[in-house]
N, C-alpha and C. Protein backbone atom coordinates (compact mmCIF):
# COMPACT_ATOMS: atom_id res chain seq x y z
N MET A 1 -10.78 9.66 46.89
CA MET A 1 -9.82 9.73 46.12
C MET A 1 -9.74 11.86 45.74
N LEU A 2 -8.87 12.16 45.43
CA LEU A 2 -8.66 13.03 45.13
C LEU A 2 -7.76 13.80 44.16
N ASN A 3 -8.91 14.30 43.00
CA ASN A 3 -7.95 14.85 41.74
C ASN A 3 -7.31 13.54 40.93
N MET A 4 -8.27 12.71 40.66
CA MET A 4 -7.62 11.70 40.29
C MET A 4 -8.42 11.08 38.81
N ASP A 5 -9.36 12.58 37.88
CA ASP A 5 -9.92 12.26 37.01
C ASP A 5 -9.42 13.09 35.64
N PHE A 6 -7.98 12.47 34.98
CA PHE A 6 -6.75 12.89 34.35
C PHE A 6 -7.30 13.68 33.19
N GLU A 7 -8.83 13.66 32.98
CA GLU A 7 -9.13 14.39 31.90
C GLU A 7 -9.62 15.91 32.28
N GLN A 8 -9.42 16.37 33.37
CA GLN A 8 -9.96 17.36 33.69
C GLN A 8 -8.83 18.26 34.51
N ARG A 9 -9.08 19.76 34.18
CA ARG A 9 -7.86 20.64 34.54
C ARG A 9 -7.57 20.73 35.82
N VAL A 10 -6.87 20.77 36.87
CA VAL A 10 -6.61 20.92 37.96
C VAL A 10 -5.79 22.23 38.33
N VAL A 11 -6.13 23.39 39.09
CA VAL A 11 -5.16 24.36 39.28
C VAL A 11 -5.56 24.85 40.50
N ILE A 12 -4.28 24.27 41.78
CA ILE A 12 -4.43 24.56 43.12
C ILE A 12 -3.10 25.39 43.28
N GLU A 13 -3.71 26.98 44.23
CA GLU A 13 -2.70 27.74 44.90
C GLU A 13 -1.87 27.09 45.89
N THR A 14 -1.28 26.57 46.41
CA THR A 14 -1.08 25.94 47.87
C THR A 14 -0.80 26.46 48.41
N GLN A 15 -0.06 28.01 48.48
CA GLN A 15 -0.08 28.52 49.58
C GLN A 15 -1.52 28.72 50.39
N HIS A 16 -2.95 28.58 49.85
CA HIS A 16 -3.61 28.51 50.38
C HIS A 16 -4.59 27.89 51.13
N LYS A 17 -3.47 26.17 51.46
CA LYS A 17 -4.28 25.00 51.48
C LYS A 17 -3.83 25.01 52.97
N ASP A 18 -4.35 24.13 53.75
CA ASP A 18 -3.49 23.92 55.32
C ASP A 18 -3.01 22.65 54.93
N TRP A 19 -1.95 22.99 55.91
CA TRP A 19 -0.87 21.81 56.13
C TRP A 19 -1.89 20.46 56.84
N GLU A 20 -1.63 19.45 56.65
CA GLU A 20 -2.11 18.20 56.76
C GLU A 20 -1.43 17.29 58.00
N GLN A 21 -1.48 16.77 59.08
CA GLN A 21 -0.31 16.08 59.68
C GLN A 21 -0.16 14.66 58.76
N SER A 22 0.88 14.18 58.44
CA SER A 22 0.95 12.72 57.96
C SER A 22 1.02 11.89 58.45
N PRO A 23 1.52 10.42 58.47
CA PRO A 23 1.92 9.54 59.45
C PRO A 23 2.69 9.57 60.45
N ALA A 24 3.85 10.53 59.99
CA ALA A 24 5.01 10.55 60.69
C ALA A 24 4.86 11.97 61.74
N GLN A 25 5.37 11.68 62.74
CA GLN A 25 5.50 13.26 63.71
C GLN A 25 6.20 14.10 63.21
N GLY A 26 5.66 15.20 63.10
CA GLY A 26 6.59 16.44 62.13
C GLY A 26 6.40 16.19 60.41
N VAL A 27 5.50 15.74 60.05
CA VAL A 27 5.90 15.87 58.91
C VAL A 27 4.24 15.60 58.69
N TRP A 28 4.25 17.16 57.56
CA TRP A 28 2.90 17.72 57.42
C TRP A 28 3.29 17.57 55.48
N ARG A 29 1.59 17.83 55.27
CA ARG A 29 1.48 17.68 53.65
C ARG A 29 0.18 18.36 53.73
N LYS A 30 0.39 18.64 52.01
CA LYS A 30 -0.83 19.77 51.44
C LYS A 30 -1.04 18.77 49.95
N ARG A 31 -2.10 17.64 50.15
CA ARG A 31 -2.28 16.70 49.25
C ARG A 31 -3.22 17.37 47.83
N LEU A 32 -2.60 17.33 47.04
CA LEU A 32 -2.76 18.28 45.08
C LEU A 32 -3.37 17.13 44.48
N ALA A 33 -3.43 15.39 44.77
CA ALA A 33 -3.75 14.35 44.21
C ALA A 33 -3.11 13.60 45.12
N ARG A 34 -4.58 11.97 44.79
CA ARG A 34 -4.73 11.32 46.25
C ARG A 34 -5.18 10.22 45.43
N GLU A 35 -4.81 8.66 45.17
CA GLU A 35 -5.73 7.95 44.88
C GLU A 35 -6.47 7.06 45.74
N ASP A 36 -5.12 6.72 46.65
CA ASP A 36 -6.09 6.03 48.14
C ASP A 36 -5.04 6.68 49.35
N ALA A 37 -5.67 6.40 50.85
CA ALA A 37 -4.94 7.48 51.98
C ALA A 37 -3.61 7.90 52.03
N GLU A 38 -3.63 6.25 51.70
CA GLU A 38 -1.62 5.93 52.24
C GLU A 38 -0.94 5.67 51.12
N HIS A 39 -1.46 5.14 49.67
CA HIS A 39 -0.95 4.37 49.18
C HIS A 39 -1.25 4.79 47.60
N GLY A 40 -0.75 4.65 46.80
CA GLY A 40 -0.64 4.20 45.12
C GLY A 40 -0.48 5.74 44.92
N HIS A 41 -1.10 6.54 43.83
CA HIS A 41 -0.53 7.85 43.20
C HIS A 41 -0.60 8.53 44.28
N ALA A 42 0.04 9.61 44.23
CA ALA A 42 0.27 11.12 44.56
C ALA A 42 0.87 12.17 44.93
N THR A 43 0.57 13.22 44.70
CA THR A 43 1.60 14.30 43.89
C THR A 43 0.81 15.12 45.99
N SER A 44 2.13 15.61 46.08
CA SER A 44 1.82 16.47 46.93
C SER A 44 2.61 17.56 47.69
N ILE A 45 2.77 18.53 48.14
CA ILE A 45 3.91 19.35 49.09
C ILE A 45 3.96 18.66 50.64
N VAL A 46 4.96 18.21 50.96
CA VAL A 46 5.10 17.92 52.08
C VAL A 46 6.21 18.96 53.08
N ARG A 47 6.05 18.93 53.88
CA ARG A 47 6.77 19.85 55.38
C ARG A 47 7.72 19.03 56.68
N TYR A 48 9.11 19.05 56.63
CA TYR A 48 9.27 18.15 57.68
C TYR A 48 9.75 19.61 58.52
N ASP A 49 9.17 19.24 59.85
CA ASP A 49 9.75 19.90 60.92
C ASP A 49 11.31 19.41 61.55
N PRO A 50 12.09 20.89 61.91
CA PRO A 50 12.98 20.38 62.35
C PRO A 50 13.51 18.86 62.84
N GLY A 51 14.18 18.27 62.71
CA GLY A 51 14.26 16.78 63.15
C GLY A 51 13.13 15.73 62.90
N ALA A 52 12.62 15.79 61.90
CA ALA A 52 11.22 15.49 62.00
C ALA A 52 11.96 14.02 60.65
N LYS A 53 11.36 12.35 61.05
CA LYS A 53 11.61 11.49 59.84
C LYS A 53 11.04 10.63 59.29
N PHE A 54 11.09 9.90 58.80
CA PHE A 54 9.86 8.51 58.45
C PHE A 54 10.44 6.92 58.67
N SER A 55 9.97 6.67 59.28
CA SER A 55 10.52 4.68 59.21
C SER A 55 10.72 4.68 57.51
N SER A 56 11.64 3.75 57.97
CA SER A 56 12.19 2.93 56.54
C SER A 56 10.71 2.50 55.60
N HIS A 57 10.75 2.79 54.70
CA HIS A 57 9.88 2.30 53.82
C HIS A 57 10.10 2.08 52.24
N PRO A 58 9.43 1.35 51.14
CA PRO A 58 9.78 1.09 49.97
C PRO A 58 8.92 2.64 48.79
N HIS A 59 9.23 2.37 47.88
CA HIS A 59 8.18 3.50 47.36
C HIS A 59 7.97 2.08 45.57
N PRO A 60 6.93 1.73 45.79
CA PRO A 60 6.68 0.86 44.52
C PRO A 60 6.27 2.39 43.45
N LYS A 61 6.54 1.97 42.25
CA LYS A 61 6.50 3.03 41.34
C LYS A 61 7.00 4.04 41.24
N GLY A 62 7.84 3.93 42.46
CA GLY A 62 9.19 5.44 42.43
C GLY A 62 8.44 6.04 43.27
N GLU A 63 9.64 7.02 43.45
CA GLU A 63 9.41 8.20 44.47
C GLU A 63 9.96 9.76 43.54
N GLU A 64 9.65 10.60 43.52
CA GLU A 64 9.63 11.94 42.62
C GLU A 64 10.04 12.88 43.06
N ILE A 65 11.09 13.76 44.26
CA ILE A 65 10.74 14.83 44.85
C ILE A 65 11.82 16.38 44.11
N PHE A 66 11.45 16.80 44.77
CA PHE A 66 11.73 18.46 44.24
C PHE A 66 11.80 19.43 45.65
N VAL A 67 13.32 19.32 46.07
CA VAL A 67 13.49 19.82 47.54
C VAL A 67 13.14 21.97 46.99
N LEU A 68 12.44 22.03 47.62
CA LEU A 68 11.93 23.56 47.56
C LEU A 68 12.79 24.66 48.51
N ASN A 69 12.91 23.92 49.72
CA ASN A 69 13.74 24.65 50.89
C ASN A 69 14.42 23.78 51.64
N GLY A 70 15.02 24.55 52.31
CA GLY A 70 15.89 23.16 53.58
C GLY A 70 16.27 22.54 52.78
N THR A 71 17.05 21.15 54.19
CA THR A 71 17.80 20.14 53.80
C THR A 71 17.23 18.96 53.94
N PHE A 72 17.19 18.07 52.99
CA PHE A 72 15.99 16.84 52.69
C PHE A 72 17.36 15.28 52.51
N SER A 73 17.36 14.57 53.58
CA SER A 73 18.19 13.75 54.07
C SER A 73 18.04 12.22 54.03
N ASP A 74 18.71 11.51 53.83
CA ASP A 74 18.69 9.89 53.80
C ASP A 74 19.74 9.02 53.99
N HIS A 75 19.83 7.70 53.98
CA HIS A 75 21.49 6.98 53.95
C HIS A 75 22.06 7.55 52.79
N ARG A 76 21.89 7.99 51.21
CA ARG A 76 23.17 8.67 50.70
C ARG A 76 23.16 9.80 51.27
N GLY A 77 23.12 10.16 51.75
CA GLY A 77 23.85 12.25 52.00
C GLY A 77 22.35 12.93 52.13
N ASP A 78 22.68 14.87 52.19
CA ASP A 78 21.97 15.45 51.94
C ASP A 78 21.53 16.02 50.83
N PHE A 79 20.68 16.64 50.77
CA PHE A 79 19.95 17.43 49.78
C PHE A 79 19.73 18.74 49.74
N GLY A 80 20.05 19.62 49.28
CA GLY A 80 19.79 21.08 50.03
C GLY A 80 18.37 21.58 48.66
N ALA A 81 17.63 23.12 49.18
CA ALA A 81 17.56 23.41 48.18
C ALA A 81 17.89 23.06 46.61
N GLY A 82 17.05 23.52 45.97
CA GLY A 82 16.85 23.20 44.49
C GLY A 82 17.67 21.47 44.17
N THR A 83 17.16 20.90 45.02
CA THR A 83 17.70 19.13 44.66
C THR A 83 16.39 18.58 43.86
N TYR A 84 16.90 17.74 42.65
CA TYR A 84 16.06 17.06 42.33
C TYR A 84 15.86 15.55 42.23
N LEU A 85 15.25 15.06 42.69
CA LEU A 85 15.79 13.50 42.96
C LEU A 85 14.56 12.81 42.65
N ARG A 86 14.80 11.32 41.68
CA ARG A 86 14.07 10.26 41.56
C ARG A 86 14.30 9.24 41.91
N ASN A 87 13.66 8.44 42.56
CA ASN A 87 14.00 6.84 43.53
C ASN A 87 13.26 5.79 42.89
N PRO A 88 13.66 5.23 41.91
CA PRO A 88 13.18 3.77 41.27
C PRO A 88 12.57 2.87 42.18
N GLU A 89 11.63 2.26 41.82
CA GLU A 89 11.09 1.07 41.85
C GLU A 89 11.91 0.23 42.54
N GLY A 90 11.79 -0.25 44.52
CA GLY A 90 12.57 -1.14 44.53
C GLY A 90 13.58 -0.25 45.79
N TYR A 91 13.39 0.88 46.04
CA TYR A 91 14.27 1.85 46.54
C TYR A 91 13.21 2.01 47.60
N GLU A 92 14.54 1.89 49.08
CA GLU A 92 13.93 2.02 50.38
C GLU A 92 15.07 2.77 51.31
N HIS A 93 14.01 3.41 51.94
CA HIS A 93 14.97 4.78 52.51
C HIS A 93 14.72 4.67 54.14
N ALA A 94 14.93 5.78 54.78
CA ALA A 94 14.20 6.27 55.91
C ALA A 94 14.62 7.83 55.67
N PRO A 95 14.32 8.47 55.39
CA PRO A 95 14.39 10.09 55.15
C PRO A 95 13.87 10.99 56.46
N PHE A 96 14.78 11.73 56.24
CA PHE A 96 14.81 12.55 57.39
C PHE A 96 15.21 14.32 57.43
N SER A 97 15.14 15.11 58.23
CA SER A 97 15.73 16.84 57.65
C SER A 97 15.95 17.29 58.97
N GLU A 98 16.99 17.63 59.37
CA GLU A 98 17.73 18.15 60.43
C GLU A 98 17.73 19.39 60.91
N GLU A 99 17.18 20.37 59.68
CA GLU A 99 16.90 21.74 59.50
C GLU A 99 15.49 21.89 59.42
N GLY A 100 14.94 20.52 58.61
CA GLY A 100 13.46 21.16 58.28
C GLY A 100 13.76 21.49 56.89
N CYS A 101 12.63 20.76 55.82
CA CYS A 101 12.49 21.38 54.70
C CYS A 101 11.03 21.48 54.22
N THR A 102 10.78 21.44 52.75
CA THR A 102 9.89 21.77 52.39
C THR A 102 9.97 20.72 50.89
N LEU A 103 8.94 20.05 50.24
CA LEU A 103 9.16 19.14 48.81
C LEU A 103 8.03 19.38 47.87
N LEU A 104 8.45 19.27 47.12
CA LEU A 104 7.18 19.02 46.03
C LEU A 104 7.47 17.07 46.18
N VAL A 105 6.58 16.43 46.03
CA VAL A 105 7.04 15.06 46.13
C VAL A 105 5.71 14.19 45.28
N LYS A 106 6.14 13.61 44.50
CA LYS A 106 4.98 12.69 43.20
C LYS A 106 5.77 11.08 44.03
N LEU A 107 4.57 10.67 43.77
CA LEU A 107 4.83 8.86 44.23
C LEU A 107 4.01 8.00 43.47
N HIS A 108 4.47 6.97 43.15
CA HIS A 108 3.66 6.06 42.38
C HIS A 108 3.39 6.07 41.06
N GLN A 109 4.14 6.73 40.11
CA GLN A 109 4.05 7.54 39.09
C GLN A 109 5.06 7.23 37.92
N PHE A 110 5.88 6.15 38.25
CA PHE A 110 6.90 6.07 36.91
C PHE A 110 6.51 4.95 36.16
N HIS A 111 6.80 5.12 35.14
CA HIS A 111 6.68 4.04 34.03
C HIS A 111 7.30 2.47 34.58
N ASP A 112 7.07 1.18 34.17
CA ASP A 112 7.60 0.43 34.66
C ASP A 112 9.16 0.15 34.56
N ARG A 113 9.58 0.54 33.28
CA ARG A 113 10.82 0.13 32.40
C ARG A 113 12.10 1.25 33.47
N ASP A 114 11.24 2.79 33.67
CA ASP A 114 11.91 3.67 33.99
C ASP A 114 12.53 3.61 35.45
N ARG A 115 14.10 2.92 35.39
CA ARG A 115 14.51 2.59 36.87
C ARG A 115 15.33 3.64 37.22
N LYS A 116 16.01 4.40 36.39
CA LYS A 116 16.75 5.49 36.50
C LYS A 116 16.81 5.35 38.19
N GLN A 117 18.08 6.04 38.56
CA GLN A 117 17.74 6.90 39.94
C GLN A 117 18.64 8.50 39.65
N VAL A 118 18.00 9.19 40.04
CA VAL A 118 18.64 10.52 39.53
C VAL A 118 18.67 11.57 40.71
N THR A 119 20.19 12.40 40.80
CA THR A 119 20.17 12.92 41.54
C THR A 119 20.63 14.57 41.24
N ILE A 120 19.64 15.56 41.09
CA ILE A 120 20.54 16.72 40.43
C ILE A 120 20.68 17.98 41.38
N ASP A 121 21.58 18.73 41.34
CA ASP A 121 21.68 19.46 42.37
C ASP A 121 21.83 20.52 41.29
N THR A 122 20.57 21.71 40.92
CA THR A 122 20.08 22.33 40.21
C THR A 122 20.44 23.66 40.26
N ARG A 123 21.24 24.03 41.21
CA ARG A 123 21.80 25.04 41.61
C ARG A 123 23.42 25.18 40.86
N ALA A 124 24.04 23.92 40.49
CA ALA A 124 25.09 23.48 40.24
C ALA A 124 24.93 23.78 38.63
N GLU A 125 24.03 23.45 37.93
CA GLU A 125 23.84 23.29 36.90
C GLU A 125 23.58 24.81 35.67
N PRO A 126 24.21 24.54 34.54
CA PRO A 126 24.04 25.68 33.77
C PRO A 126 22.97 25.23 33.20
N TRP A 127 21.91 26.75 33.22
CA TRP A 127 20.88 26.85 32.18
C TRP A 127 21.34 26.76 30.87
N GLN A 128 20.44 26.14 30.12
CA GLN A 128 20.38 26.02 28.40
C GLN A 128 19.29 27.07 27.80
N GLN A 129 20.18 27.03 26.39
CA GLN A 129 18.75 27.92 26.09
C GLN A 129 17.67 27.72 25.56
N GLY A 130 16.69 27.67 25.33
CA GLY A 130 15.29 27.16 25.42
C GLY A 130 14.38 27.84 23.75
N GLN A 131 13.39 27.83 24.41
CA GLN A 131 12.48 28.70 22.79
C GLN A 131 12.79 29.91 23.15
N GLY A 132 13.07 30.83 22.40
CA GLY A 132 12.76 32.27 22.38
C GLY A 132 13.84 33.04 23.59
N ASN A 133 13.12 33.66 24.66
CA ASN A 133 14.43 34.14 25.54
C ASN A 133 14.14 33.13 26.82
N LEU A 134 13.36 31.95 26.96
CA LEU A 134 13.07 30.72 27.82
C LEU A 134 14.65 30.32 27.84
N ARG A 135 14.98 29.55 29.19
CA ARG A 135 16.24 29.03 29.55
C ARG A 135 15.82 27.78 30.33
N VAL A 136 16.43 26.86 30.20
CA VAL A 136 15.73 25.68 30.57
C VAL A 136 16.96 24.84 31.29
N ILE A 137 16.57 24.27 32.68
CA ILE A 137 17.65 22.74 32.83
C ILE A 137 16.90 21.75 32.79
N PRO A 138 17.28 20.41 31.99
CA PRO A 138 16.76 19.60 31.47
C PRO A 138 16.88 18.69 32.99
N LEU A 139 15.59 17.46 33.69
CA LEU A 139 15.60 16.96 34.26
C LEU A 139 16.05 15.65 34.27
N HIS A 140 14.91 15.24 33.50
CA HIS A 140 14.75 13.46 33.25
C HIS A 140 13.76 13.73 31.83
N GLU A 141 14.02 12.43 31.12
CA GLU A 141 13.63 12.21 30.09
C GLU A 141 13.12 10.16 30.02
N PHE A 142 12.30 10.27 29.68
CA PHE A 142 12.18 8.61 29.75
C PHE A 142 10.79 8.26 28.28
N GLU A 143 10.85 7.81 27.39
CA GLU A 143 10.06 7.47 26.73
C GLU A 143 8.65 8.66 26.68
N GLY A 144 8.82 9.44 25.93
CA GLY A 144 8.35 11.04 25.80
C GLY A 144 7.84 11.70 27.20
N GLU A 145 8.49 10.87 28.31
CA GLU A 145 7.92 11.75 29.68
C GLU A 145 9.29 12.72 29.65
N ASN A 146 9.23 14.51 29.90
CA ASN A 146 10.11 15.08 29.96
C ASN A 146 9.54 15.53 31.25
N VAL A 147 10.78 16.22 31.91
CA VAL A 147 10.97 17.07 33.25
C VAL A 147 12.04 18.17 33.37
N ALA A 148 11.66 18.89 33.86
CA ALA A 148 12.85 20.48 33.20
C ALA A 148 12.10 21.47 34.55
N LEU A 149 13.06 22.08 34.52
CA LEU A 149 13.07 23.87 35.13
C LEU A 149 13.13 24.60 34.18
N VAL A 150 12.43 25.31 34.01
CA VAL A 150 12.00 26.54 33.20
C VAL A 150 12.30 27.89 33.60
N HIS A 151 13.24 28.83 33.47
CA HIS A 151 13.13 30.14 33.38
C HIS A 151 12.85 31.50 32.34
N TRP A 152 11.73 31.80 33.02
CA TRP A 152 10.37 33.26 31.90
C TRP A 152 11.56 34.42 32.28
N PRO A 153 12.07 35.48 31.16
CA PRO A 153 12.40 36.28 31.55
C PRO A 153 10.34 37.45 31.81
N LYS A 154 10.57 38.51 32.38
CA LYS A 154 9.14 38.94 32.42
C LYS A 154 8.85 39.39 31.17
N GLY A 155 7.38 39.26 30.80
CA GLY A 155 7.40 39.74 29.97
C GLY A 155 6.94 38.32 28.15
N GLU A 156 7.76 37.50 29.00
CA GLU A 156 8.02 36.00 27.86
C GLU A 156 6.69 35.64 27.41
N GLN A 157 6.71 35.18 26.43
CA GLN A 157 5.39 34.71 25.80
C GLN A 157 5.67 33.21 25.07
N PHE A 158 4.80 32.07 25.25
CA PHE A 158 5.43 30.70 24.68
C PHE A 158 4.03 30.70 23.62
N VAL A 159 4.96 30.14 22.64
CA VAL A 159 3.41 29.70 21.37
C VAL A 159 2.55 28.92 21.81
N PHE A 160 1.32 29.50 20.94
CA PHE A 160 0.49 28.36 21.53
C PHE A 160 0.61 27.23 21.25
N HIS A 161 0.34 26.05 22.04
CA HIS A 161 0.50 24.84 22.05
C HIS A 161 -0.27 24.06 22.75
N ARG A 162 -0.26 22.65 22.35
CA ARG A 162 -1.31 21.19 22.40
C ARG A 162 -0.40 20.32 23.51
N HIS A 163 -0.69 20.13 24.65
CA HIS A 163 -0.33 19.31 25.52
C HIS A 163 -0.25 17.54 25.09
N VAL A 164 0.73 17.17 24.21
CA VAL A 164 0.25 15.95 24.09
C VAL A 164 0.85 14.88 25.13
N GLY A 165 0.06 14.15 25.65
CA GLY A 165 0.01 13.43 26.93
C GLY A 165 0.23 14.41 27.69
N GLY A 166 -0.57 15.66 28.45
CA GLY A 166 -0.32 16.69 29.48
C GLY A 166 0.64 16.70 29.96
N GLU A 167 0.44 18.18 30.90
CA GLU A 167 1.22 18.65 31.52
C GLU A 167 1.17 19.06 32.75
N GLU A 168 2.16 18.86 33.76
CA GLU A 168 1.85 19.61 34.68
C GLU A 168 2.79 20.48 35.48
N ILE A 169 2.66 21.72 35.89
CA ILE A 169 3.49 22.66 36.19
C ILE A 169 3.96 23.20 38.08
N TYR A 170 4.93 23.32 38.26
CA TYR A 170 4.75 23.89 39.66
C TYR A 170 5.56 25.38 39.62
N VAL A 171 4.85 26.14 40.36
CA VAL A 171 5.54 27.76 40.01
C VAL A 171 6.61 27.61 40.96
N MET A 172 7.72 27.67 41.16
CA MET A 172 8.64 28.30 41.83
C MET A 172 8.74 28.93 42.87
N SER A 173 9.10 30.18 41.50
CA SER A 173 9.04 31.86 41.51
C SER A 173 8.48 32.60 40.53
N GLY A 174 8.06 33.73 41.15
CA GLY A 174 7.53 34.55 40.20
C GLY A 174 5.71 34.22 40.07
N LYS A 175 5.22 35.36 38.31
CA LYS A 175 3.74 34.39 38.08
C LYS A 175 4.11 33.93 36.91
N LEU A 176 3.65 33.05 36.74
CA LEU A 176 2.99 32.66 35.39
C LEU A 176 1.45 33.19 34.52
N ALA A 177 1.00 33.16 33.58
CA ALA A 177 -0.42 33.51 33.29
C ALA A 177 -0.51 32.79 31.93
N ASP A 178 -1.52 32.93 31.84
CA ASP A 178 -2.37 32.40 30.22
C ASP A 178 -3.83 32.65 30.12
N GLU A 179 -4.68 32.39 28.66
CA GLU A 179 -5.70 32.99 29.01
C GLU A 179 -6.92 32.51 29.51
N HIS A 180 -5.98 31.28 30.19
CA HIS A 180 -7.27 31.05 31.39
C HIS A 180 -7.23 31.51 33.11
N GLY A 181 -5.80 32.29 33.20
CA GLY A 181 -5.97 32.86 34.52
C GLY A 181 -4.31 32.95 34.83
N GLU A 182 -3.95 33.58 35.90
CA GLU A 182 -2.61 34.05 36.29
C GLU A 182 -2.40 33.04 38.02
N TYR A 183 -0.90 32.74 38.12
CA TYR A 183 -0.60 31.59 38.47
C TYR A 183 0.54 31.91 39.49
N PRO A 184 0.39 32.88 40.45
CA PRO A 184 1.21 33.17 41.48
C PRO A 184 2.52 31.92 41.71
N THR A 185 3.34 32.18 42.66
CA THR A 185 4.09 31.18 43.60
C THR A 185 3.55 30.38 44.08
N GLY A 186 4.02 28.61 43.74
CA GLY A 186 3.35 28.08 44.92
C GLY A 186 1.88 27.32 44.25
N THR A 187 1.40 27.55 42.39
CA THR A 187 0.48 27.27 42.27
C THR A 187 0.81 25.93 41.55
N TRP A 188 0.34 25.23 41.48
CA TRP A 188 -0.15 23.74 41.16
C TRP A 188 -0.92 23.72 39.23
N ILE A 189 -0.56 23.17 38.59
CA ILE A 189 -0.94 23.70 37.42
C ILE A 189 -0.78 21.56 36.81
N ARG A 190 -2.45 20.95 36.53
CA ARG A 190 -2.30 19.55 35.89
C ARG A 190 -3.14 20.02 34.62
N SER A 191 -2.84 19.94 33.70
CA SER A 191 -3.26 20.12 32.09
C SER A 191 -3.66 19.15 31.69
N PRO A 192 -4.82 17.87 30.94
CA PRO A 192 -4.92 17.02 30.72
C PRO A 192 -4.30 16.73 28.64
N HIS A 193 -3.87 15.54 28.82
CA HIS A 193 -3.87 15.14 27.45
C HIS A 193 -4.58 15.84 26.42
N LEU A 194 -3.94 16.51 25.27
CA LEU A 194 -4.36 17.07 24.05
C LEU A 194 -5.33 18.75 24.65
N SER A 195 -5.05 19.05 25.86
CA SER A 195 -5.54 20.51 26.10
C SER A 195 -4.31 21.59 25.33
N THR A 196 -4.85 22.92 25.36
CA THR A 196 -4.09 23.77 24.94
C THR A 196 -4.22 25.15 25.96
N HIS A 197 -3.18 25.65 25.90
CA HIS A 197 -2.80 27.13 26.34
C HIS A 197 -1.45 28.22 25.53
N GLN A 198 -1.66 29.15 25.10
CA GLN A 198 -0.58 30.24 25.38
C GLN A 198 -0.01 30.86 26.92
N PRO A 199 0.51 30.06 27.42
CA PRO A 199 1.32 30.56 28.77
C PRO A 199 2.26 32.29 28.78
N PHE A 200 2.51 32.88 28.91
CA PHE A 200 3.61 34.41 29.28
C PHE A 200 3.78 34.32 30.87
N ALA A 201 5.03 35.08 31.36
CA ALA A 201 5.47 35.20 32.66
C ALA A 201 4.90 36.90 32.70
N ILE A 202 4.33 37.06 34.12
CA ILE A 202 3.69 38.45 34.48
C ILE A 202 4.72 39.23 35.18
N GLU A 203 5.97 38.37 35.77
CA GLU A 203 7.39 38.43 35.93
C GLU A 203 8.15 37.65 35.82
N GLU A 204 9.55 37.65 36.27
CA GLU A 204 10.11 36.46 36.31
C GLU A 204 9.79 35.41 36.93
N THR A 205 10.04 34.41 35.62
CA THR A 205 9.66 33.34 36.69
C THR A 205 10.21 31.65 35.97
N VAL A 206 10.16 31.05 37.67
CA VAL A 206 10.99 29.81 37.72
C VAL A 206 9.68 28.61 37.68
N ILE A 207 9.53 28.04 36.73
CA ILE A 207 8.50 26.81 36.95
C ILE A 207 8.82 25.15 36.73
N TRP A 208 8.76 24.32 37.66
CA TRP A 208 8.83 23.32 37.29
C TRP A 208 7.93 22.18 36.71
N VAL A 209 8.51 21.85 35.04
CA VAL A 209 7.43 21.51 34.93
C VAL A 209 7.64 20.14 33.93
N LYS A 210 6.61 19.46 34.03
CA LYS A 210 6.73 17.70 33.50
C LYS A 210 5.32 17.61 32.52
N ILE A 211 6.10 17.45 31.05
CA ILE A 211 5.06 17.07 29.73
C ILE A 211 5.41 15.11 29.14
N GLY A 212 4.21 14.88 28.84
CA GLY A 212 4.41 14.02 28.56
C GLY A 212 3.99 12.90 28.94
N HIS A 213 3.04 12.91 30.50
CA HIS A 213 3.16 11.46 31.03
C HIS A 213 1.80 11.23 31.36
N MET A 214 0.66 11.93 30.79
CA MET A 214 -0.63 11.27 30.65
C MET A 214 -1.43 10.84 30.06
N CYS A 215 -0.21 10.30 28.62
CA CYS A 215 -1.69 9.35 27.98
C CYS A 215 -2.65 8.47 28.57
N ASN A 216 -2.27 7.53 29.30
CA ASN A 216 -2.50 6.18 29.66
C ASN A 216 -4.22 6.95 30.35
């Protein structure tokens, strides 16, 4: 197991981790949290070399993907950089990438009743006004769990707050900080239920953020 104690705060600068070979030729990963070697709860950065593919497989308890760069594909189509995907329980596919791609991938983490399939090209979505000068693109919501992209202008500071149900952040671009440290592009942060912080942006920053999903 890797980082499966959800009462512990975890910070990983993924750019400093080495790529590991997956079971599929030409598909590499950086493991951030893992329940078992090839099964169960997992959060990873995944890279497909050009032409790499996986054999057909299901996703018990769902699969959540954000395409960081390149183009990710399966039988439903091609999904470019900036695409957010949720494939629920029962979905089966044989993914591939002709040009290569890099993904943020979360496996086996859906609520049992969360069966909605989601495909959002965030490049085509308008930014909505958030708190203060923040701008937000909502991606998913289910029974207290919320996922979004958040744009921070340089120097923007958020209010001190408590993470009811926990919080996960992946820094897509720029550099975020709080009283605990600084988080450059590529940093993954998982903060436990009822933890606190007051984040701010050292430079213009975009984050992927999920809240409210770690109460159990």
